[in-house]
Protein backbone atom coordinates (compact mmCIF):
# COMPACT_ATOMS: atom_id res chain seq x y z
CA MET A 1 0.10 -31.14 -5.02
CA THR A 2 -1.03 -27.47 -3.40
CA ILE A 3 -4.48 -26.53 -3.22
CA LYS A 4 -4.53 -23.66 -5.65
CA GLU A 5 -3.28 -26.92 -8.00
CA LEU A 6 -6.12 -29.09 -6.95
CA ILE A 7 -9.04 -26.48 -7.19
CA ALA A 8 -8.05 -24.94 -10.81
CA ASN A 9 -8.24 -28.65 -11.95
CA TYR A 10 -10.34 -30.96 -9.47
CA GLN A 11 -12.15 -32.52 -12.33
CA ALA A 12 -9.33 -34.05 -13.91
CA HIS A 13 -8.67 -35.71 -10.01
CA LEU A 14 -11.78 -36.90 -9.05
CA GLN A 15 -11.66 -40.31 -7.56
CA LYS A 16 -8.27 -40.11 -7.95
CA ASP A 17 -5.83 -40.15 -4.60
CA VAL A 18 -3.77 -36.87 -3.99
CA VAL A 19 -1.25 -35.73 -1.54
CA VAL A 20 -2.21 -32.17 0.42
CA ASN A 21 -0.11 -30.47 3.09
CA GLY A 22 -1.77 -27.75 5.01
CA TRP A 23 -2.60 -26.05 8.05
CA ILE A 24 -5.94 -27.00 10.11
CA ARG A 25 -7.98 -23.97 10.09
CA ASN A 26 -11.29 -25.61 11.65
CA HIS A 27 -11.94 -29.10 13.05
CA ARG A 28 -15.64 -30.33 13.67
CA LYS A 29 -15.42 -33.81 15.15
CA GLN A 30 -18.24 -36.02 15.53
CA LYS A 31 -18.46 -39.62 16.94
CA GLU A 32 -18.08 -41.32 13.63
CA PHE A 33 -16.10 -39.16 11.45
CA GLY A 34 -15.08 -35.39 11.40
CA PHE A 35 -14.37 -32.63 8.77
CA ILE A 36 -11.33 -30.68 8.69
CA ASP A 37 -10.75 -27.18 6.91
CA LEU A 38 -7.58 -26.87 5.36
CA SER A 39 -5.58 -24.17 3.93
CA ASP A 40 -1.63 -24.33 2.67
CA GLY A 41 -1.02 -20.91 1.81
CA THR A 42 -1.33 -21.31 -1.94
CA CYS A 43 -4.78 -19.74 -2.66
CA PHE A 44 -7.58 -17.79 -0.70
CA LYS A 45 -9.74 -20.91 -0.57
CA HIS A 46 -9.89 -24.07 1.36
CA VAL A 47 -10.52 -27.59 1.25
CA GLN A 48 -12.66 -29.53 3.17
CA VAL A 49 -11.22 -32.77 4.41
CA VAL A 50 -13.60 -35.52 5.70
CA TYR A 51 -12.66 -38.68 7.53
CA GLU A 52 -14.32 -41.45 9.08
CA LYS A 53 -13.83 -43.98 12.11
CA ASN A 54 -11.96 -46.35 9.52
CA LEU A 55 -8.71 -45.07 9.87
CA ALA A 56 -6.05 -46.39 12.43
CA ASN A 57 -5.00 -43.13 14.07
CA PHE A 58 -8.75 -42.06 13.96
CA GLU A 59 -8.86 -41.15 18.00
CA ASP A 60 -5.42 -39.30 17.50
CA ILE A 61 -6.91 -37.13 14.62
CA GLN A 62 -9.59 -36.05 16.57
CA LYS A 63 -7.22 -34.45 19.12
CA PHE A 64 -5.74 -32.35 16.06
CA LEU A 65 -6.14 -29.07 16.98
CA VAL A 66 -6.51 -25.78 15.27
CA GLY A 67 -3.14 -24.33 13.56
CA SER A 68 -1.49 -27.72 13.41
CA ALA A 69 0.66 -28.74 10.45
CA VAL A 70 -1.19 -32.02 9.08
CA GLU A 71 -0.51 -34.09 5.83
CA ILE A 72 -3.42 -35.51 3.77
CA LYS A 73 -3.56 -38.52 1.54
CA GLY A 74 -7.02 -38.85 0.37
CA GLN A 75 -9.42 -39.48 -2.80
CA VAL A 76 -10.92 -36.45 -4.54
CA VAL A 77 -14.55 -36.97 -4.17
CA GLU A 78 -17.58 -34.39 -5.41
CA SER A 79 -18.94 -32.80 -2.11
CA ALA A 80 -22.35 -33.36 -0.87
CA GLY A 81 -22.75 -29.61 0.66
CA GLN A 82 -22.01 -26.32 -1.21
CA ASP A 83 -18.10 -26.79 -2.40
CA ASP A 84 -17.35 -28.57 -5.77
CA PHE A 85 -15.35 -31.56 -3.96
CA GLU A 86 -14.02 -32.87 -1.29
CA ILE A 87 -11.25 -34.97 0.37
CA LYS A 88 -12.27 -38.28 1.74
CA ALA A 89 -8.69 -39.17 3.75
CA THR A 90 -7.28 -42.39 3.80
CA ASN A 91 -4.71 -40.74 6.21
CA ILE A 92 -3.75 -38.33 8.01
CA THR A 93 -0.44 -37.87 9.46
CA LEU A 94 0.31 -34.87 12.02
CA LEU A 95 3.55 -32.89 10.44
CA GLY A 96 3.64 -29.98 13.27
CA ASP A 97 1.35 -29.98 16.99
CA CYS A 98 -0.63 -26.52 17.79
CA PRO A 99 -1.29 -26.09 21.39
CA GLU A 100 -4.73 -25.19 23.39
CA ASP A 101 -3.55 -21.71 24.03
CA TYR A 102 -3.04 -21.11 20.23
CA PRO A 103 -4.17 -17.52 19.39
CA ILE A 104 -5.86 -17.64 16.14
CA GLN A 105 -8.95 -19.53 16.87
CA PRO A 106 -12.19 -19.76 14.01
CA LYS A 107 -13.99 -16.93 15.44
CA ARG A 108 -14.22 -13.39 14.89
CA HIS A 109 -11.43 -11.78 16.10
CA THR A 110 -10.83 -7.84 16.42
CA ARG A 111 -8.29 -6.26 14.21
CA GLU A 112 -6.85 -4.63 17.54
CA PHE A 113 -6.14 -7.75 18.84
CA LEU A 114 -4.71 -9.05 15.49
CA ARG A 115 -2.53 -6.45 15.33
CA GLU A 116 -1.12 -7.48 18.53
CA GLN A 117 -0.56 -10.91 17.18
CA ALA A 118 0.99 -9.41 13.82
CA TYR A 119 3.12 -12.56 13.23
CA LEU A 120 0.20 -14.80 13.54
CA ARG A 121 -2.49 -12.87 12.05
CA PRO A 122 -1.47 -13.65 8.14
CA ARG A 123 -3.25 -16.75 8.86
CA THR A 124 -6.65 -15.34 9.17
CA ASN A 125 -9.26 -15.15 6.58
CA LEU A 126 -9.19 -11.15 6.40
CA PHE A 127 -5.59 -10.80 6.26
CA GLN A 128 -5.56 -13.70 3.51
CA ALA A 129 -7.47 -11.53 1.76
CA VAL A 130 -6.08 -8.19 2.33
CA PHE A 131 -2.18 -9.28 1.82
CA ARG A 132 -2.79 -11.04 -1.65
CA ILE A 133 -4.47 -8.03 -2.76
CA ARG A 134 -1.75 -6.06 -1.91
CA SER A 135 0.62 -8.83 -3.51
CA LEU A 136 -1.16 -8.30 -6.58
CA ALA A 137 -1.48 -4.12 -6.68
CA ALA A 138 2.64 -4.23 -6.64
CA MET A 139 2.60 -6.74 -9.29
CA ALA A 140 0.26 -4.68 -10.98
CA ILE A 141 2.42 -1.65 -10.64
CA HIS A 142 5.74 -3.29 -11.81
CA GLU A 143 3.46 -4.35 -14.94
CA TYR A 144 1.89 -1.23 -16.04
CA PHE A 145 5.52 1.03 -15.94
CA GLN A 146 7.51 -2.15 -17.33
CA ASN A 147 4.95 -2.46 -20.17
CA ASN A 148 5.29 0.84 -21.15
CA GLY A 149 8.72 1.50 -21.12
CA TYR A 150 9.64 2.50 -17.55
CA ILE A 151 13.25 1.55 -16.12
CA TYR A 152 12.72 0.81 -12.27
CA PHE A 153 15.12 3.08 -10.59
CA HIS A 154 16.50 1.98 -6.92
CA ALA A 155 16.22 5.10 -4.71
CA PRO A 156 18.59 5.33 -1.91
CA LEU A 157 17.39 4.55 1.46
CA ILE A 158 19.99 6.33 3.23
CA THR A 159 20.00 10.39 2.45
CA SER A 160 21.23 13.79 3.60
CA SER A 161 18.45 15.19 1.51
CA ASP A 162 14.95 15.96 3.01
CA CYS A 163 13.00 16.03 -0.08
CA GLU A 164 9.70 17.56 1.58
CA GLY A 165 11.69 20.24 3.55
CA ALA A 166 9.57 19.35 6.94
CA GLY A 167 12.68 17.86 9.16
CA GLU A 168 10.56 14.81 9.92
CA MET A 169 13.80 12.35 8.76
CA PHE A 170 15.06 9.72 11.12
CA GLN A 171 18.52 10.10 11.35
CA VAL A 172 21.56 8.04 10.80
CA THR A 173 24.54 8.09 13.07
CA THR A 174 27.07 5.91 14.36
CA LEU A 175 28.41 8.68 16.67
CA ASP A 176 28.25 7.48 20.63
CA LEU A 177 25.07 9.09 21.44
CA GLU A 178 25.85 9.06 25.06
CA ARG A 179 29.22 11.06 24.57
CA VAL A 180 27.01 13.49 22.63
CA ALA A 181 24.52 13.73 25.32
CA GLN A 182 27.28 14.22 28.09
CA SER A 183 29.37 16.97 26.07
CA GLY A 184 26.47 18.76 24.33
CA GLN A 185 28.11 19.05 20.83
CA VAL A 186 27.33 16.94 17.81
CA ASP A 187 30.45 16.87 15.09
CA TYR A 188 28.86 15.61 12.46
CA SER A 189 32.29 15.51 10.50
CA LYS A 190 33.44 12.74 12.70
CA ASP A 191 30.12 10.79 11.59
CA PHE A 192 29.96 7.89 9.32
CA PHE A 193 29.07 9.72 6.32
CA GLY A 194 31.47 12.96 7.53
CA LYS A 195 27.75 14.84 7.50
CA GLN A 196 24.06 14.73 8.83
CA ALA A 197 22.34 11.44 7.09
CA GLY A 198 18.85 10.04 7.45
CA LEU A 199 16.25 7.65 6.14
CA THR A 200 14.47 8.83 2.96
CA VAL A 201 11.24 10.43 3.27
CA SER A 202 11.19 10.12 -1.07
CA GLY A 203 13.12 8.75 -3.82
CA GLN A 204 12.02 11.46 -5.90
CA LEU A 205 14.86 13.84 -6.17
CA GLU A 206 17.40 11.07 -7.16
CA ALA A 207 14.69 9.38 -9.36
CA GLU A 208 14.71 13.06 -11.48
CA THR A 209 18.21 12.29 -12.22
CA PHE A 210 17.60 9.34 -13.62
CA ALA A 211 14.44 10.47 -15.41
CA LEU A 212 16.86 13.21 -17.28
CA ALA A 213 18.69 10.15 -18.69
CA PHE A 214 16.08 7.43 -19.05
CA ASN A 215 13.19 9.13 -19.84
CA LYS A 216 10.93 7.41 -17.65
CA VAL A 217 11.29 5.76 -14.30
CA TYR A 218 9.83 4.85 -11.42
CA THR A 219 10.92 3.83 -7.62
CA PHE A 220 9.11 1.41 -5.38
CA GLY A 221 9.81 1.33 -2.67
CA PRO A 222 10.26 1.91 1.46
CA THR A 223 10.17 5.56 2.72
CA PHE A 224 10.22 7.08 6.44
CA ARG A 225 8.92 9.87 8.27
CA ALA A 226 9.41 10.71 11.66
CA GLU A 227 6.06 12.46 12.09
CA ASN A 228 4.71 11.50 15.63
CA SER A 229 1.52 10.81 14.58
CA ASN A 230 -0.97 8.03 15.38
CA THR A 231 -4.06 8.48 13.14
CA LYS A 232 -5.40 5.71 10.99
CA THR A 233 -3.84 6.99 7.52
CA HIS A 234 -0.11 7.84 9.06
CA MET A 235 2.61 5.28 9.77
CA SER A 236 6.76 5.72 10.04
CA GLU A 237 7.28 3.44 7.34
CA PHE A 238 5.86 3.24 4.48
CA TRP A 239 5.75 2.13 0.68
CA MET A 240 5.80 4.74 -2.10
CA VAL A 241 5.52 4.06 -5.28
CA GLU A 242 6.88 7.43 -7.17
CA PRO A 243 7.23 7.59 -11.23
CA GLU A 244 9.33 10.44 -12.99
CA ILE A 245 8.66 11.79 -16.71
CA ALA A 246 10.48 13.82 -18.84
CA PHE A 247 9.09 15.93 -21.10
CA CYS A 248 5.95 15.33 -19.73
CA ASP A 249 3.75 18.61 -18.62
CA LEU A 250 0.84 18.53 -15.75
CA GLU A 251 -2.02 17.38 -18.14
CA GLY A 252 0.16 14.80 -19.29
CA LEU A 253 0.92 13.63 -15.76
CA MET A 254 -2.64 13.57 -14.97
CA ASP A 255 -3.56 11.20 -17.83
CA ILE A 256 -0.77 8.67 -16.48
CA GLU A 257 -2.11 8.99 -12.82
CA GLU A 258 -5.68 7.98 -14.15
CA GLU A 259 -4.31 5.34 -16.69
CA MET A 260 -2.11 3.59 -14.15
CA LEU A 261 -4.39 3.58 -11.00
CA LYS A 262 -7.30 1.89 -13.57
CA TYR A 263 -4.62 -0.12 -14.54
CA ILE A 264 -4.15 -1.65 -10.93
CA ILE A 265 -7.88 -1.78 -10.34
CA ASN A 266 -8.42 -3.53 -13.16
CA TYR A 267 -5.96 -6.30 -12.32
CA CYS A 268 -6.83 -6.53 -8.68
CA LEU A 269 -10.42 -7.24 -9.93
CA ASN A 270 -9.41 -9.95 -12.58
CA LYS A 271 -6.99 -11.93 -10.40
CA GLY A 272 -8.02 -11.13 -6.98
CA HIS A 273 -12.10 -12.15 -7.61
CA ASP A 274 -12.37 -14.51 -4.44
CA GLU A 275 -10.59 -12.18 -2.05
CA LEU A 276 -12.63 -8.67 -3.19
CA VAL A 277 -15.89 -10.78 -2.81
CA PHE A 278 -14.87 -11.54 0.67
CA LEU A 279 -13.72 -8.52 1.46
CA ASP A 280 -16.83 -7.19 -0.08
CA GLN A 281 -18.85 -9.36 2.23
CA PHE A 282 -17.23 -8.79 5.39
CA VAL A 283 -15.39 -5.50 5.48
CA GLU A 284 -16.66 -2.79 3.22
CA LYS A 285 -20.24 -3.44 1.57
CA GLY A 286 -20.22 -2.63 -2.28
CA LEU A 287 -16.65 -2.83 -2.46
CA ILE A 288 -16.62 -4.17 -6.04
CA ASP A 289 -19.41 -1.73 -7.40
CA LYS A 290 -16.87 0.96 -6.09
CA LEU A 291 -13.98 -0.04 -7.90
CA THR A 292 -15.56 -1.23 -10.58
CA LYS A 293 -17.30 2.32 -10.89
CA ILE A 294 -13.74 3.80 -10.91
CA VAL A 295 -12.19 1.80 -13.96
CA ASN A 296 -15.58 2.97 -15.75
CA SER A 297 -15.06 6.68 -14.77
CA LYS A 298 -13.99 10.20 -16.02
CA PHE A 299 -11.84 11.61 -13.64
CA THR A 300 -13.02 15.64 -12.88
CA ARG A 301 -9.94 17.99 -13.18
CA ILE A 302 -10.48 21.69 -11.65
CA SER A 303 -8.40 24.11 -9.74
CA HIS A 304 -7.99 24.71 -6.19
CA GLU A 305 -9.30 28.01 -6.32
CA ASP A 306 -11.91 26.57 -8.29
CA VAL A 307 -12.67 23.96 -5.54
CA ILE A 308 -12.41 26.53 -2.59
CA THR A 309 -15.43 28.27 -4.52
CA ILE A 310 -17.53 25.18 -4.18
CA LEU A 311 -16.84 24.73 -0.73
CA LYS A 312 -17.61 28.35 0.31
CA LYS A 313 -20.93 28.02 -2.05
CA ALA A 314 -21.93 24.91 -0.33
CA ASP A 315 -24.88 24.64 2.11
CA GLN A 316 -22.59 22.65 4.83
CA LYS A 317 -21.30 23.82 8.17
CA TRP A 318 -17.37 23.38 8.03
CA GLU A 319 -15.62 22.41 11.00
CA PHE A 320 -12.63 24.07 9.04
CA PRO A 321 -13.86 26.50 7.01
CA PRO A 322 -12.22 26.68 3.26
CA GLU A 323 -10.32 29.47 2.50
CA TYR A 324 -8.64 31.07 -0.92
CA GLY A 325 -4.81 29.83 -0.53
CA GLN A 326 -5.21 27.46 2.44
CA ASP A 327 -4.96 23.53 2.02
CA ILE A 328 -8.01 21.43 2.18
CA ALA A 329 -9.23 19.10 5.14
CA LYS A 330 -10.82 15.57 5.18
CA GLU A 331 -14.20 16.99 5.26
CA HIS A 332 -13.63 19.15 1.99
CA GLU A 333 -11.74 16.40 0.04
CA LYS A 334 -14.78 14.23 0.91
CA TYR A 335 -17.62 16.97 -0.09
CA ILE A 336 -15.69 17.38 -3.53
CA THR A 337 -15.43 13.83 -4.17
CA GLU A 338 -19.20 13.14 -3.46
CA TYR A 339 -19.95 16.65 -5.28
CA PHE A 340 -18.46 15.37 -8.63
CA ASP A 341 -19.58 11.58 -7.82
CA GLY A 342 -16.26 10.43 -8.23
CA PRO A 343 -12.52 10.97 -8.38
CA VAL A 344 -10.97 14.45 -8.94
CA PHE A 345 -7.75 15.93 -9.96
CA ILE A 346 -7.14 19.27 -7.87
CA THR A 347 -4.46 21.52 -9.69
CA ASN A 348 -2.28 24.67 -9.33
CA TRP A 349 -2.13 24.66 -5.68
CA PRO A 350 -1.13 27.89 -3.69
CA LYS A 351 2.50 28.02 -3.97
CA ASP A 352 3.21 28.64 -0.30
CA ILE A 353 1.52 25.38 1.07
CA LYS A 354 3.53 22.89 -1.24
CA ALA A 355 7.09 22.50 -1.84
CA PHE A 356 10.30 24.05 -3.28
CA TYR A 357 10.35 22.03 -6.64
CA MET A 358 7.05 22.59 -7.96
CA LYS A 359 6.38 24.45 -11.03
CA GLN A 360 5.76 28.23 -10.54
CA ASN A 361 3.00 29.29 -12.18
CA ASN A 362 2.98 32.75 -14.09
CA ASP A 363 0.63 34.26 -11.89
CA ASN A 364 3.68 33.68 -9.19
CA LYS A 365 0.77 32.78 -6.83
CA THR A 366 0.21 29.23 -7.73
CA VAL A 367 2.29 25.96 -8.58
CA ALA A 368 1.48 23.27 -11.28
CA ALA A 369 0.82 20.39 -8.56
CA VAL A 370 -2.37 18.02 -8.67
CA ASP A 371 -3.55 15.75 -5.91
CA LEU A 372 -5.81 13.10 -6.95
CA GLU A 373 -8.92 12.58 -4.42
CA VAL A 374 -10.69 9.76 -4.49
CA PRO A 375 -14.22 8.55 -2.73
CA GLY A 376 -13.55 7.26 0.76
CA VAL A 377 -9.95 7.65 0.96
CA GLY A 378 -9.19 11.11 0.05
CA GLU A 379 -5.81 12.35 -1.22
CA LEU A 380 -4.26 9.10 -3.18
CA MET A 381 -1.88 10.55 -5.09
CA GLY A 382 0.21 14.13 -5.12
CA GLY A 383 2.44 15.25 -7.53
CA SER A 384 3.42 18.48 -10.00
CA GLN A 385 5.62 19.61 -13.07
CA ARG A 386 9.01 20.19 -11.86
CA GLU A 387 10.19 23.59 -12.16
CA GLU A 388 13.13 23.32 -14.92
CA ASP A 389 13.93 26.95 -14.61
CA TYR A 390 17.28 27.39 -12.59
CA THR A 391 16.81 30.96 -11.70
CA LYS A 392 13.40 30.63 -10.35
CA LEU A 393 14.50 27.23 -8.35
CA VAL A 394 17.22 28.83 -6.32
CA THR A 395 15.76 31.68 -6.28
CA ARG A 396 12.33 29.98 -4.18
CA MET A 397 14.83 27.70 -2.52
CA LYS A 398 16.69 30.57 -0.62
CA GLU A 399 12.91 31.95 -0.03
CA LEU A 400 12.65 28.96 2.40
CA LYS A 401 16.00 29.82 3.87
CA MET A 402 17.28 26.91 2.00
CA ASN A 403 21.08 26.38 1.19
CA PRO A 404 21.18 25.36 -2.91
CA ASP A 405 24.42 24.48 -2.51
CA ASP A 406 23.77 21.59 -0.06
CA MET A 407 21.76 19.98 -3.26
CA TYR A 408 24.03 21.18 -6.05
CA TRP A 409 23.38 18.25 -7.81
CA TYR A 410 19.51 18.23 -7.78
CA VAL A 411 20.24 22.18 -8.92
CA ASN A 412 22.41 21.11 -11.59
CA LEU A 413 19.86 19.04 -13.08
CA ARG A 414 18.38 22.57 -14.46
CA LYS A 415 21.70 23.55 -16.63
CA TYR A 416 22.76 20.40 -17.81
CA GLY A 417 20.00 19.86 -20.71
CA THR A 418 17.00 20.80 -19.07
CA CYS A 419 13.54 19.89 -20.21
CA VAL A 420 9.67 20.02 -18.76
CA HIS A 421 9.58 17.08 -16.39
CA SER A 422 6.80 15.91 -13.88
CA GLY A 423 6.22 13.16 -11.42
CA PHE A 424 4.37 11.96 -8.45
CA GLY A 425 3.92 9.53 -5.62
CA LEU A 426 1.48 7.15 -4.36
CA GLY A 427 1.36 5.98 -1.52
CA PHE A 428 1.46 2.03 -1.88
CA GLU A 429 -0.73 1.39 1.68
CA ARG A 430 -3.06 3.95 1.00
CA LEU A 431 -4.23 2.28 -2.26
CA ILE A 432 -4.25 -1.00 -0.78
CA MET A 433 -6.93 0.65 2.04
CA TYR A 434 -8.71 1.80 -0.88
CA LEU A 435 -8.67 -1.76 -2.77
CA THR A 436 -9.21 -3.50 0.63
CA GLY A 437 -12.26 -1.47 1.91
CA ILE A 438 -9.66 -1.32 5.39
CA GLU A 439 -9.68 2.07 7.24
CA ASN A 440 -6.38 1.73 9.41
CA ILE A 441 -3.34 1.53 7.78
CA ARG A 442 -1.57 -0.48 10.31
CA ASP A 443 -3.52 -3.26 8.78
CA VAL A 444 -2.47 -3.26 5.27
CA ILE A 445 1.02 -3.84 6.00
CA PRO A 446 2.61 -6.63 7.54
CA TYR A 447 4.41 -5.12 10.40
CA TYR A 448 3.67 -1.81 11.05
CA ARG A 449 5.82 0.98 12.46
CA THR A 450 4.22 3.86 14.27
CA PRO A 451 5.12 5.98 17.48
CA GLY A 452 5.95 3.41 19.94
CA ASN A 453 5.55 0.29 18.13
CA CYS A 454 8.58 -1.96 16.97
CA ASP A 455 7.27 -5.06 18.18
CA PHE A 456 7.71 -7.19 15.48
C-alpha cells in the first residue's frame, strides 16, 4: 500500500502486516536497531520504520544509504515518539542502491545549490511542499473555471502575433542560419510557415476569438519571453492563466479576479495543510495567516491617478519618484498594499504605457485596464476591458506603427458581432511564489529557463 493510504487509515492497520515501497530519506543506525525515515512520494509526510538486530540481513540493512529505494514488510504499531504510528520491520529489501556521493543528504541545502541539482531537488522536503502546492493550485484553477461554465481553450504555442508588441519573442525557424549569416539576408517566404513566426508570449488574442463564440473561455499553458532579464521574478518560459469573457466590463472582470484568487487560496488551505504548515515554519513565518487574511478581505479598487496622488503625498523618499502618466515601481506597489492593508486593484491606466488592445476611456488619456497588487509580491494579475470599437482599435494600431492587415483576424472580431468583453492574465509562477512564500521564481517551476540556463 502507499504511505498516503496508510496515514489516512492507520488505525485500521494497527497490529497488521503491510508492505510499503519507498526511498530512504534518513537512516539512523544504532548497535542493536535502526530507524529509517521512508517516503514514497504519495504524500508530504514520511513514515518511520524501526528494525532490530533479529532480522537476518541486519548488517546489510545498516549499510543502506540515503536515497536508496527499498521494500518494507512489517507490522503497523503505535509509536512511542511524536508520530501516531510506525512500522516495525520484519523484512527490508534493497530495490535500488544509492552511493555515498548522492547530493541530497539529510541536511539543510541552499536553494542555489539545489538549483544546480534540479533533477534531484524534488526529493527534498522544501520542493515536495512547493510542487504539491503547485499541483493543487493548478487543479483549483481548472475547478474554478469549469464550475463556472468556462471552456478550456488550448492556445497555439507557435504564432506570428506578438501580443505585447515588445518584440521579445523566441523565433521559430527551419532556415539554415549559417547560410543566412553568410548572405546577410533572410527570406521568410522560404521558411516553414512562409512568414516570421515565434513562440507565443500570450494566448490572449487567440482566446478572444473563442470567447466571442463560447462566451467564457480560459487558457492555461506555457508562454515564452526572450527578455534578457535575471531578476527573481522573470523567466524565459513560464505558465499563464488567461480567461476571456464576453459581455463583461472592467468592474465585472475585477469581481472574477477576486473570486478566483480567493477560490485558489481556499483550495490550497484546505487540501495542502501539511505543506503550508511546513512552508509557514521554514520559508515564510505567518504564511497561513497571510493567505487566510486575503480570503477574508475585500479588495480595494482605486484609479491609477489617485494612486499617484497618494504616493506623492506620502512622507517617504522614493528611489523612483511617482509621476502622473507613468508606470509605478516595486516600491510604490509595496507602499500601496501596505497603505490599504491588503490587495489593491489599480484601474484606468495611462494609455501610452498599456497595450494597443485595451479599451480607450472617454478622456482619451487612459484605458480601462487593471492591475491587481498583493502584499509581498506586487503585481499578480493584469487585465483590461478590450477595445470593441473597430475604428478606435485600427487607429490605435496605426499610432503604434502596427499594420492592422497583419492581424486582420483580430481586427475583424470588431466587425462580426462585436460586444463588450474583457480578460486578464495571471502569472502562474508568481501565484505559486505568493502561495508558498518562495522569493525566487526559479524555485517554483520544475525546470527554470533563464538567460544562459537550459541544462535540464
